[in-house]
Amino acid sequence: MERALGHSKGDLARRESLGVEIRTFGPQPNPGFEGITAPAVFKSAEVFQGHIYLAGQAGLSAYSIDGALEHIYRTGIDLPAAPLGQMAAGLLTDSRQPELLIATLGKGVMAFDGHLFRQILPEQEEARMVTAVLPLASGRLLIGTAKLGLLMYDGKTLKRFHTTTHNVYVTALAGSEADLWVGTLNDGLLFWHGGQTERIGEEQGLPDRRAEQIALADGRAYVGTPMGVAEIHEGKIARVLAKGIYAHALFVDRSSLLVGQVEAGVMRVSLAGPESDSKARRPIVAVATADAYAVRATANRGSAGWTVEQFLAIGESRYALADDGLLRREPEGEWRRILSGEGSQLTASDISALLVADDGRLWVGYFDRGLDIVPATGGEASHVENDHVFCVNRIVEDTRQGAVAVATANGLVLFDRDGRQKQVLGREAGLIADHVTDVALYGDGMALATPAGITFLDHSDAHSLYAFQGLVNNHVYALGASGNQLVAGTLG
């Protein structure tokens, strides 16, 4: 019996364990790429060794405390080719000094000692999608993932934390090994204490099952959700603050709670009295200026236009991380931007279409910011953005006509080779729809994909093909032409 029980425990331990590799990570050899910088999009901030680090999709930026950019560690070159996420500083059992621990979406956890990077890389692909990290006083590291739930790394092995935290999408971690708070994407809040897990969801009063961020203070937990902030005391929800507000980031600042909103700036909520008190919450909204965001109290929460990803405290100073930089709260209550991504050659980072023209210029289309034309010799790009050139789906050069065709959500826009807009084609020009998703050249004409079918433009003028003529589905998103054959990719 004892032997069988021992085998059973061993099998369970093996099932809970995951393979992991620890490797030193140095700059990768460049196979010949030249970088064209896009605006930085930040996701997290941390103070480490007297520096401010901002992390995002493009890499890790190191700033001095006074705001000077000192170094950029780029994903794909200095770091693995994966977006960076949440960060935390801590001392792990397999390190001799504190490190900056960085979650990556696809490459495990990066640990940075200020000079060198090392990679904590799980063997299982699903364990590499890291969404949150929490270093513990014991030297262990809790790792939240998108698919496998919560994992624990002890310096040698990687294993699942507990059966109650398996296979959940972890969004946030806070607390300690004794009292641990786990925020999830769809399963509410998990509270681990006394060797067991309690689930706090909508049934228990959580405003939404999605937990965005967790802040702990004075024996209470504050959980931000898309529908407000839950204040939890002794495992029970005591009240809901900022009802109806998308609380994306939280920070307890003495007797107030700072709530970072999605595209609506910062709201300050008093913790001194009931939320129904007319003075209990004070919305604070950002107004863009030439060199800063000046934040003013106003009831119009929707006019701010910036999303708060995280709050940060350095001494008595308070900082808010927006996706495009770091803001500091001034003594008079204003939030002023002090750090931002520098040296960008492009207008935006949501790139939806690319074309390298015959003359060497690079055309860059954006999801919602028009397009840039980058000179072949580098340098400053020219930007085009208007009612028609806004949402760009495809860019194709027509060398026969010396033109560039730009497929957009508001028509087909034709440019000359110098980047001058010449013509806009839509329904009035014979297209079956204004929304053009793709362009393919054939013979002496071009085919245009739309959500209503395919329009052909050639010497016989415009004519269209749709489901009535045998097209599998009217929603056409991709075209390919070869000789006299055209292939259409549709929703059908």
Protein backbone atom coordinates (compact mmCIF):
# COMPACT_ATOMS: atom_id res chain seq x y z
CA MET A 1 0.00 0.00 0.00
CA GLU A 2 2.74 2.46 0.96
CA ARG A 3 4.63 1.65 -2.25
CA ALA A 4 1.50 2.24 -4.34
CA LEU A 5 0.83 5.52 -2.52
CA GLY A 6 4.42 6.59 -3.13
CA HIS A 7 4.11 5.83 -6.84
CA SER A 8 0.84 7.77 -6.96
CA LYS A 9 2.40 10.84 -5.34
CA GLY A 10 5.36 10.61 -7.69
CA ASP A 11 3.10 10.43 -10.72
CA LEU A 12 1.15 13.46 -9.49
CA ALA A 13 4.34 15.46 -8.95
CA ARG A 14 5.57 14.60 -12.43
CA ARG A 15 2.24 15.68 -13.95
CA GLU A 16 2.41 19.00 -12.09
CA SER A 17 6.04 19.63 -13.11
CA LEU A 18 6.99 21.33 -16.35
CA GLY A 19 10.36 21.30 -18.04
CA VAL A 20 12.28 24.59 -17.96
CA GLU A 21 15.56 25.85 -19.40
CA ILE A 22 17.60 28.74 -18.01
CA ARG A 23 19.81 30.41 -20.58
CA THR A 24 21.90 33.55 -20.86
CA PHE A 25 20.50 35.79 -23.54
CA GLY A 26 22.74 38.11 -25.53
CA PRO A 27 22.17 40.33 -28.56
CA GLN A 28 21.16 38.28 -31.59
CA PRO A 29 23.11 38.53 -34.87
CA ASN A 30 21.40 40.84 -37.34
CA PRO A 31 20.77 38.99 -40.63
CA GLY A 32 20.69 42.28 -42.53
CA PHE A 33 17.58 44.08 -41.32
CA GLU A 34 17.47 47.84 -40.91
CA GLY A 35 15.09 49.03 -38.24
CA ILE A 36 12.47 51.70 -38.90
CA THR A 37 11.19 52.88 -35.55
CA ALA A 38 7.50 53.19 -34.78
CA PRO A 39 6.02 55.07 -31.81
CA ALA A 40 6.59 53.25 -28.56
CA VAL A 41 3.59 51.51 -27.00
CA PHE A 42 4.21 50.86 -23.31
CA LYS A 43 2.54 48.25 -21.12
CA SER A 44 4.37 48.36 -17.80
CA ALA A 45 6.82 50.41 -15.72
CA GLU A 46 9.20 49.58 -12.88
CA VAL A 47 11.94 51.30 -10.89
CA PHE A 48 15.11 49.21 -10.71
CA GLN A 49 18.64 50.15 -9.61
CA GLY A 50 17.85 53.86 -9.68
CA HIS A 51 16.42 53.78 -13.21
CA ILE A 52 12.91 53.84 -14.64
CA TYR A 53 12.20 51.01 -17.07
CA LEU A 54 9.28 51.07 -19.50
CA ALA A 55 8.36 47.88 -21.34
CA GLY A 56 6.18 47.29 -24.37
CA GLN A 57 5.85 45.50 -27.67
CA ALA A 58 9.01 46.99 -29.18
CA GLY A 59 11.31 46.42 -26.22
CA LEU A 60 12.60 47.77 -22.92
CA SER A 61 13.52 51.45 -22.50
CA ALA A 62 15.80 52.54 -19.65
CA TYR A 63 15.56 56.12 -18.35
CA SER A 64 17.37 57.98 -15.62
CA ILE A 65 15.24 59.30 -12.76
CA ASP A 66 15.40 62.78 -14.31
CA GLY A 67 13.88 61.46 -17.54
CA ALA A 68 16.87 61.05 -19.87
CA LEU A 69 16.70 58.06 -22.22
CA GLU A 70 19.77 55.90 -21.61
CA HIS A 71 19.20 52.70 -23.56
CA ILE A 72 16.65 50.77 -25.61
CA TYR A 73 16.75 46.97 -25.59
CA ARG A 74 14.87 45.89 -28.71
CA THR A 75 12.75 42.78 -29.07
CA GLY A 76 14.14 40.45 -31.70
CA ILE A 77 17.67 41.83 -31.28
CA ASP A 78 18.58 42.45 -27.62
CA LEU A 79 15.57 40.48 -26.38
CA PRO A 80 13.56 37.53 -27.73
CA ALA A 81 11.06 38.29 -30.49
CA ALA A 82 8.00 38.60 -28.24
CA PRO A 83 6.03 41.52 -26.77
CA LEU A 84 6.98 42.49 -23.23
CA GLY A 85 4.35 42.71 -20.51
CA GLN A 86 4.24 43.10 -16.74
CA MET A 87 7.43 43.66 -14.74
CA ALA A 88 8.51 43.29 -11.12
CA ALA A 89 11.83 43.50 -9.27
CA GLY A 90 12.88 40.67 -6.98
CA LEU A 91 15.62 38.33 -5.78
CA LEU A 92 15.19 34.73 -6.93
CA THR A 93 16.80 31.68 -5.34
CA ASP A 94 18.98 31.03 -8.38
CA SER A 95 20.38 34.57 -8.50
CA ARG A 96 22.92 36.37 -6.34
CA GLN A 97 21.37 39.81 -6.82
CA PRO A 98 17.97 41.38 -7.44
CA GLU A 99 16.73 41.31 -11.02
CA LEU A 100 14.11 42.99 -13.11
CA LEU A 101 11.68 40.21 -14.03
CA ILE A 102 9.81 40.74 -17.30
CA ALA A 103 6.87 38.75 -18.62
CA THR A 104 6.85 38.02 -22.35
CA LEU A 105 4.00 36.80 -24.52
CA GLY A 106 5.63 33.74 -26.02
CA LYS A 107 9.18 33.51 -24.66
CA GLY A 108 8.78 32.93 -20.92
CA VAL A 109 10.32 35.32 -18.38
CA MET A 110 13.35 37.56 -18.90
CA ALA A 111 15.51 38.38 -15.85
CA PHE A 112 17.76 41.47 -16.08
CA ASP A 113 20.43 42.32 -13.52
CA GLY A 114 21.18 45.73 -15.01
CA HIS A 115 23.85 44.37 -17.37
CA LEU A 116 22.88 40.93 -18.64
CA PHE A 117 19.64 39.15 -19.49
CA ARG A 118 18.81 35.56 -18.71
CA GLN A 119 15.76 33.71 -19.92
CA ILE A 120 13.51 31.42 -17.89
CA LEU A 121 12.11 29.42 -20.80
CA PRO A 122 9.52 26.66 -20.18
CA GLU A 123 9.71 23.69 -22.53
CA GLN A 124 5.94 23.72 -23.06
CA GLU A 125 4.81 26.38 -25.53
CA GLU A 126 1.65 27.19 -23.57
CA ALA A 127 3.72 27.96 -20.47
CA ARG A 128 5.70 30.59 -22.39
CA MET A 129 2.69 32.90 -22.76
CA VAL A 130 3.38 34.82 -19.55
CA THR A 131 0.84 37.44 -18.49
CA ALA A 132 1.92 38.27 -14.92
CA VAL A 133 4.88 37.79 -12.56
CA LEU A 134 5.12 38.02 -8.77
CA PRO A 135 8.45 37.41 -6.98
CA LEU A 136 7.99 36.12 -3.43
CA ALA A 137 10.02 36.72 -0.27
CA SER A 138 11.09 33.07 -0.36
CA GLY A 139 12.90 33.62 -3.67
CA ARG A 140 10.29 31.74 -5.66
CA LEU A 141 8.57 33.29 -8.65
CA LEU A 142 4.88 33.03 -9.40
CA ILE A 143 4.18 33.08 -13.13
CA GLY A 144 0.72 33.75 -14.53
CA THR A 145 0.01 32.40 -18.01
CA ALA A 146 -2.70 32.76 -20.63
CA LYS A 147 -3.60 29.07 -20.86
CA LEU A 148 -2.04 26.96 -18.11
CA GLY A 149 -3.01 29.17 -15.19
CA LEU A 150 -0.59 29.85 -12.34
CA LEU A 151 2.92 28.34 -12.25
CA MET A 152 5.73 28.49 -9.68
CA TYR A 153 9.48 28.59 -10.37
CA ASP A 154 11.76 27.75 -7.42
CA GLY A 155 15.14 28.30 -9.08
CA LYS A 156 15.41 24.73 -10.34
CA THR A 157 12.00 23.46 -11.34
CA LEU A 158 8.80 24.85 -12.79
CA LYS A 159 5.48 23.41 -11.69
CA ARG A 160 1.81 24.20 -11.50
CA PHE A 161 0.85 26.11 -8.36
CA HIS A 162 -2.38 24.33 -7.38
CA THR A 163 -5.23 22.46 -9.05
CA THR A 164 -7.61 25.35 -8.28
CA THR A 165 -5.50 27.71 -10.40
CA HIS A 166 -5.07 25.42 -13.40
CA ASN A 167 -6.00 26.49 -16.93
CA VAL A 168 -7.23 30.01 -16.15
CA TYR A 169 -6.10 33.15 -17.98
CA VAL A 170 -4.19 35.06 -15.30
CA THR A 171 -4.34 38.85 -15.61
CA ALA A 172 -2.91 40.04 -12.29
CA LEU A 173 -1.08 38.78 -9.20
CA ALA A 174 -0.73 40.36 -5.75
CA GLY A 175 0.07 39.30 -2.20
CA SER A 176 2.28 36.56 -0.77
CA GLU A 177 2.52 32.79 -0.54
CA ALA A 178 0.20 32.86 2.48
CA ASP A 179 -2.40 35.26 1.08
CA LEU A 180 -2.37 35.34 -2.69
CA TRP A 181 -4.74 37.18 -5.02
CA VAL A 182 -5.07 35.98 -8.60
CA GLY A 183 -7.00 38.04 -11.13
CA THR A 184 -8.34 36.23 -14.18
CA LEU A 185 -9.77 37.15 -17.56
CA ASN A 186 -13.05 35.26 -17.30
CA ASP A 187 -13.15 33.57 -13.90
CA GLY A 188 -13.23 36.49 -11.51
CA LEU A 189 -10.83 36.64 -8.58
CA LEU A 190 -9.11 33.68 -6.90
CA PHE A 191 -8.04 34.15 -3.26
CA TRP A 192 -5.53 31.57 -1.98
CA HIS A 193 -5.12 31.41 1.81
CA GLY A 194 -4.81 28.72 4.41
CA GLY A 195 -3.99 26.15 1.74
CA GLN A 196 -7.27 26.59 -0.09
CA THR A 197 -8.74 28.80 -2.82
CA GLU A 198 -11.88 30.90 -2.69
CA ARG A 199 -13.41 32.19 -5.90
CA ILE A 200 -14.95 35.66 -5.86
CA GLY A 201 -17.06 36.28 -8.93
CA GLU A 202 -20.14 38.15 -10.05
CA GLU A 203 -22.27 35.92 -7.83
CA GLN A 204 -20.38 37.27 -4.81
CA GLY A 205 -20.74 40.88 -5.93
CA LEU A 206 -17.71 41.40 -8.20
CA PRO A 207 -18.78 44.05 -10.77
CA ASP A 208 -17.43 41.97 -13.66
CA ARG A 209 -15.82 38.57 -14.05
CA ARG A 210 -12.76 40.18 -15.67
CA ALA A 211 -10.18 41.36 -13.10
CA GLU A 212 -7.87 43.98 -14.63
CA GLN A 213 -5.57 44.87 -11.71
CA ILE A 214 -5.26 44.32 -7.95
CA ALA A 215 -4.05 46.79 -5.30
CA LEU A 216 -3.52 45.84 -1.63
CA ALA A 217 -3.54 48.28 1.31
CA ASP A 218 -4.48 48.21 5.01
CA GLY A 219 -5.75 44.64 4.92
CA ARG A 220 -8.01 45.29 1.96
CA ALA A 221 -7.86 44.30 -1.68
CA TYR A 222 -9.07 46.56 -4.47
CA VAL A 223 -9.90 44.85 -7.74
CA GLY A 224 -10.37 46.82 -10.94
CA THR A 225 -12.87 45.54 -13.49
CA PRO A 226 -14.54 46.95 -16.62
CA MET A 227 -17.55 47.87 -14.47
CA GLY A 228 -15.95 49.38 -11.39
CA VAL A 229 -13.70 48.61 -8.41
CA ALA A 230 -14.51 46.01 -5.77
CA GLU A 231 -13.20 46.65 -2.25
CA ILE A 232 -12.66 43.33 -0.48
CA HIS A 233 -12.22 42.95 3.26
CA GLU A 234 -11.75 39.62 5.05
CA GLY A 235 -12.55 37.75 1.86
CA LYS A 236 -15.88 39.51 1.30
CA ILE A 237 -16.80 42.37 -1.01
CA ALA A 238 -17.43 45.37 1.23
CA ARG A 239 -18.50 47.85 -1.47
CA VAL A 240 -18.13 48.77 -5.12
CA LEU A 241 -16.39 52.03 -6.01
CA ALA A 242 -16.47 53.98 -9.27
CA LYS A 243 -19.46 52.00 -10.51
CA GLY A 244 -19.64 51.72 -14.27
CA ILE A 245 -16.06 52.94 -14.74
CA TYR A 246 -13.59 50.80 -16.72
CA ALA A 247 -10.93 50.46 -14.00
CA HIS A 248 -7.81 49.31 -15.84
CA ALA A 249 -5.19 50.38 -13.25
CA LEU A 250 -5.29 51.02 -9.50
CA PHE A 251 -3.17 52.68 -6.83
CA VAL A 252 -4.05 53.30 -3.17
CA ASP A 253 -2.76 56.76 -2.28
CA ARG A 254 -3.38 57.29 1.43
CA SER A 255 -7.12 57.92 1.78
CA SER A 256 -7.76 57.95 -1.96
CA LEU A 257 -7.82 55.40 -4.73
CA LEU A 258 -6.40 56.40 -8.10
CA VAL A 259 -8.31 54.66 -10.89
CA GLY A 260 -6.68 54.51 -14.32
CA GLN A 261 -9.33 54.35 -17.02
CA VAL A 262 -9.42 53.20 -20.63
CA GLU A 263 -9.21 56.28 -22.87
CA ALA A 264 -10.47 58.49 -20.05
CA GLY A 265 -7.47 59.43 -17.90
CA VAL A 266 -7.39 59.24 -14.10
CA MET A 267 -10.18 59.28 -11.55
CA ARG A 268 -9.56 59.90 -7.86
CA VAL A 269 -11.95 58.07 -5.51
CA SER A 270 -12.15 58.91 -1.82
CA LEU A 271 -11.90 55.93 0.51
CA ALA A 272 -13.00 57.91 3.56
CA GLY A 273 -16.75 57.57 3.16
CA PRO A 274 -19.47 55.68 1.31
CA GLU A 275 -19.32 55.71 -2.48
CA SER A 276 -22.77 57.30 -2.61
CA ASP A 277 -21.30 60.47 -1.08
CA SER A 278 -21.28 63.21 -3.74
CA LYS A 279 -17.65 63.93 -2.85
CA ALA A 280 -16.61 60.31 -3.00
CA ARG A 281 -15.23 60.39 -6.51
CA ARG A 282 -13.59 63.09 -8.52
CA PRO A 283 -12.99 62.43 -12.19
CA ILE A 284 -9.72 63.78 -13.48
CA VAL A 285 -9.36 64.01 -17.23
CA ALA A 286 -6.33 64.62 -19.44
CA VAL A 287 -6.32 67.46 -21.93
CA ALA A 288 -3.59 67.24 -24.57
CA THR A 289 -1.23 70.23 -24.84
CA ALA A 290 1.81 70.86 -26.99
CA ASP A 291 4.29 69.39 -24.54
CA ALA A 292 2.28 67.69 -21.83
CA TYR A 293 -1.00 66.30 -20.65
CA ALA A 294 -2.60 68.80 -18.28
CA VAL A 295 -5.16 67.02 -16.15
CA ARG A 296 -8.19 68.92 -14.91
CA ALA A 297 -11.17 67.92 -12.83
CA THR A 298 -14.22 67.62 -15.05
CA ALA A 299 -17.38 65.58 -15.35
CA ASN A 300 -16.67 64.77 -18.99
CA ARG A 301 -14.70 61.58 -18.47
CA GLY A 302 -14.68 60.59 -22.14
CA SER A 303 -12.61 63.52 -23.39
CA ALA A 304 -9.27 62.39 -21.99
CA GLY A 305 -8.21 60.13 -24.83
CA TRP A 306 -5.43 58.27 -23.01
CA THR A 307 -5.41 54.91 -21.27
CA VAL A 308 -3.62 54.38 -17.96
CA GLU A 309 -1.75 51.08 -17.93
CA GLN A 310 -0.20 51.30 -14.47
CA PHE A 311 0.57 53.60 -11.53
CA LEU A 312 4.00 53.96 -10.00
CA ALA A 313 5.28 55.54 -6.78
CA ILE A 314 8.81 56.90 -6.35
CA GLY A 315 9.12 58.40 -2.90
CA GLU A 316 6.31 60.91 -2.54
CA SER A 317 5.89 61.30 -6.29
CA ARG A 318 3.09 59.57 -8.19
CA TYR A 319 3.32 58.48 -11.81
CA ALA A 320 0.83 57.15 -14.34
CA LEU A 321 1.95 55.07 -17.30
CA ALA A 322 0.03 55.74 -20.50
CA ASP A 323 0.59 53.68 -23.60
CA ASP A 324 2.69 56.50 -25.09
CA GLY A 325 4.68 57.64 -22.06
CA LEU A 326 4.96 58.32 -18.34
CA LEU A 327 3.11 61.13 -16.56
CA ARG A 328 3.89 62.66 -13.16
CA ARG A 329 1.37 64.26 -10.86
CA GLU A 330 2.41 67.81 -10.11
CA PRO A 331 1.84 69.47 -6.68
CA GLU A 332 -1.17 71.38 -8.01
CA GLY A 333 -2.79 68.09 -9.05
CA GLU A 334 -2.03 68.15 -12.77
CA TRP A 335 -0.53 65.14 -14.51
CA ARG A 336 2.32 66.12 -16.80
CA ARG A 337 4.02 63.82 -19.29
CA ILE A 338 7.74 63.52 -18.57
CA LEU A 339 8.77 60.47 -20.63
CA SER A 340 7.73 59.33 -24.07
CA GLY A 341 9.01 57.18 -26.90
CA GLU A 342 11.68 59.09 -28.80
CA GLY A 343 13.07 59.07 -32.32
CA SER A 344 10.10 57.49 -34.11
CA GLN A 345 10.24 57.55 -37.91
CA LEU A 346 6.65 56.38 -38.33
CA THR A 347 3.33 57.90 -37.33
CA ALA A 348 1.79 54.87 -35.63
CA SER A 349 2.49 51.25 -34.72
CA ASP A 350 -0.69 49.53 -35.95
CA ILE A 351 0.67 48.67 -39.41
CA SER A 352 -1.82 47.00 -41.76
CA ALA A 353 -0.15 47.24 -45.19
CA LEU A 354 3.34 47.63 -46.70
CA LEU A 355 4.76 48.36 -50.13
CA VAL A 356 8.38 48.73 -51.25
CA ALA A 357 8.00 50.74 -54.45
CA ASP A 358 10.29 50.44 -57.48
CA ASP A 359 11.97 53.72 -56.54
CA GLY A 360 12.92 52.27 -53.12
CA ARG A 361 10.44 54.23 -51.07
CA LEU A 362 8.49 52.43 -48.36
CA TRP A 363 4.73 52.93 -48.17
CA VAL A 364 3.31 52.08 -44.74
CA GLY A 365 -0.46 51.80 -44.22
CA TYR A 366 -2.07 51.95 -40.81
CA PHE A 367 -5.16 50.43 -39.29
CA ASP A 368 -6.54 53.84 -38.34
CA ARG A 369 -3.94 56.54 -39.14
CA GLY A 370 -3.68 56.74 -42.93
CA LEU A 371 -0.24 56.08 -44.42
CA ASP A 372 3.42 57.15 -44.35
CA ILE A 373 5.80 57.33 -47.30
CA VAL A 374 9.39 56.78 -46.16
CA PRO A 375 12.18 58.00 -48.51
CA ALA A 376 14.55 55.37 -49.88
CA THR A 377 17.43 57.16 -48.18
CA GLY A 378 15.65 57.13 -44.81
CA GLY A 379 14.84 60.31 -42.98
CA GLU A 380 11.50 61.89 -42.21
CA ALA A 381 8.41 60.27 -43.67
CA SER A 382 5.57 62.17 -45.30
CA HIS A 383 2.16 61.42 -43.82
CA VAL A 384 -1.21 61.23 -45.58
CA GLU A 385 -4.39 61.05 -43.54
CA ASN A 386 -7.86 62.25 -44.53
CA ASP A 387 -11.48 61.12 -44.80
CA HIS A 388 -10.58 58.51 -47.43
CA VAL A 389 -7.00 57.60 -46.48
CA PHE A 390 -7.61 56.46 -42.93
CA CYS A 391 -8.11 52.70 -42.55
CA VAL A 392 -5.65 51.17 -45.05
CA ASN A 393 -6.06 47.53 -46.08
CA ARG A 394 -3.64 47.10 -49.00
CA ILE A 395 -1.09 49.06 -51.05
CA VAL A 396 -0.20 47.96 -54.60
CA GLU A 397 2.07 49.63 -57.16
CA ASP A 398 0.80 49.70 -60.75
CA THR A 399 3.98 50.25 -62.77
CA ARG A 400 1.94 50.18 -65.99
CA GLN A 401 0.24 53.42 -65.04
CA GLY A 402 2.97 54.86 -62.82
CA ALA A 403 0.52 54.84 -59.91
CA VAL A 404 0.05 53.42 -56.43
CA ALA A 405 -3.37 52.00 -55.51
CA VAL A 406 -4.34 52.18 -51.84
CA ALA A 407 -7.31 50.06 -50.76
CA THR A 408 -9.11 51.65 -47.81
CA ALA A 409 -12.35 51.32 -45.88
CA ASN A 410 -13.56 54.43 -47.73
CA GLY A 411 -12.70 53.65 -51.34
CA LEU A 412 -9.75 52.99 -53.64
CA VAL A 413 -7.33 55.93 -53.54
CA LEU A 414 -4.92 56.38 -56.44
CA PHE A 415 -1.60 58.20 -55.96
CA ASP A 416 1.11 59.11 -58.41
CA ARG A 417 4.63 57.80 -57.77
CA ASP A 418 5.54 61.01 -55.92
CA GLY A 419 2.84 60.40 -53.32
CA ARG A 420 0.32 62.93 -54.58
CA GLN A 421 -3.31 61.87 -54.27
CA LYS A 422 -4.95 61.87 -57.70
CA GLN A 423 -8.31 60.10 -57.50
CA VAL A 424 -10.76 58.37 -55.16
CA LEU A 425 -12.94 55.58 -56.55
CA GLY A 426 -16.10 54.40 -54.79
CA ARG A 427 -19.66 53.42 -55.59
CA GLU A 428 -20.13 56.49 -57.77
CA ALA A 429 -17.28 55.23 -59.99
CA GLY A 430 -18.90 51.82 -60.40
CA LEU A 431 -17.41 49.89 -57.47
CA ILE A 432 -19.80 47.40 -55.89
CA ALA A 433 -18.89 48.82 -52.44
CA ASP A 434 -16.85 51.67 -50.98
CA HIS A 435 -14.91 49.38 -48.64
CA VAL A 436 -11.97 47.88 -50.59
CA THR A 437 -10.13 45.07 -48.78
CA ASP A 438 -7.58 44.00 -51.42
CA VAL A 439 -6.25 44.80 -54.90
CA ALA A 440 -4.80 42.49 -57.55
CA LEU A 441 -3.42 43.52 -60.96
CA TYR A 442 -4.25 41.49 -64.06
CA GLY A 443 -3.85 42.12 -67.80
CA ASP A 444 -4.62 45.78 -68.36
CA GLY A 445 -6.80 46.16 -65.28
CA MET A 446 -7.17 45.53 -61.58
CA ALA A 447 -9.52 43.50 -59.39
CA LEU A 448 -10.87 44.98 -56.16
CA ALA A 449 -12.07 42.84 -53.25
CA THR A 450 -14.97 44.21 -51.21
CA PRO A 451 -17.48 42.91 -48.65
CA ALA A 452 -20.07 42.89 -51.46
CA GLY A 453 -18.11 41.01 -54.12
CA ILE A 454 -15.33 41.71 -56.64
CA THR A 455 -15.15 44.74 -58.94
CA PHE A 456 -13.00 44.63 -62.11
CA LEU A 457 -11.57 47.86 -63.54
CA ASP A 458 -10.20 47.56 -67.08
CA HIS A 459 -10.64 48.90 -70.61
CA SER A 460 -14.32 47.86 -70.53
CA ASP A 461 -14.94 50.05 -67.47
CA ALA A 462 -16.18 48.72 -64.12
CA HIS A 463 -18.04 45.44 -63.78
CA SER A 464 -18.62 43.25 -60.72
CA LEU A 465 -18.98 39.64 -59.67
CA TYR A 466 -20.85 38.50 -56.57
CA ALA A 467 -22.67 35.49 -55.15
CA PHE A 468 -25.47 35.62 -57.72
CA GLN A 469 -22.89 34.85 -60.43
CA GLY A 470 -21.42 31.95 -58.44
CA LEU A 471 -18.99 33.60 -56.01
CA VAL A 472 -18.86 31.42 -52.89
CA ASN A 473 -19.46 34.38 -50.59
CA ASN A 474 -19.81 38.13 -51.17
CA HIS A 475 -17.32 38.97 -48.39
CA VAL A 476 -13.98 38.91 -50.25
CA TYR A 477 -10.87 39.70 -48.24
CA ALA A 478 -7.92 38.48 -50.33
CA LEU A 479 -7.08 38.28 -54.02
CA GLY A 480 -4.29 36.64 -56.00
CA ALA A 481 -3.72 36.91 -59.75
CA SER A 482 -1.55 34.83 -62.04
CA GLY A 483 -1.86 35.20 -65.79
CA ASN A 484 -5.54 34.95 -66.64
CA GLN A 485 -6.47 33.32 -63.33
CA LEU A 486 -7.79 35.09 -60.22
CA VAL A 487 -8.07 33.46 -56.79
CA ALA A 488 -10.43 35.02 -54.23
CA GLY A 489 -10.43 34.36 -50.51
CA THR A 490 -13.89 34.80 -48.96
CA LEU A 491 -15.72 34.15 -45.71
CA GLY A 492 -17.27 31.13 -47.45
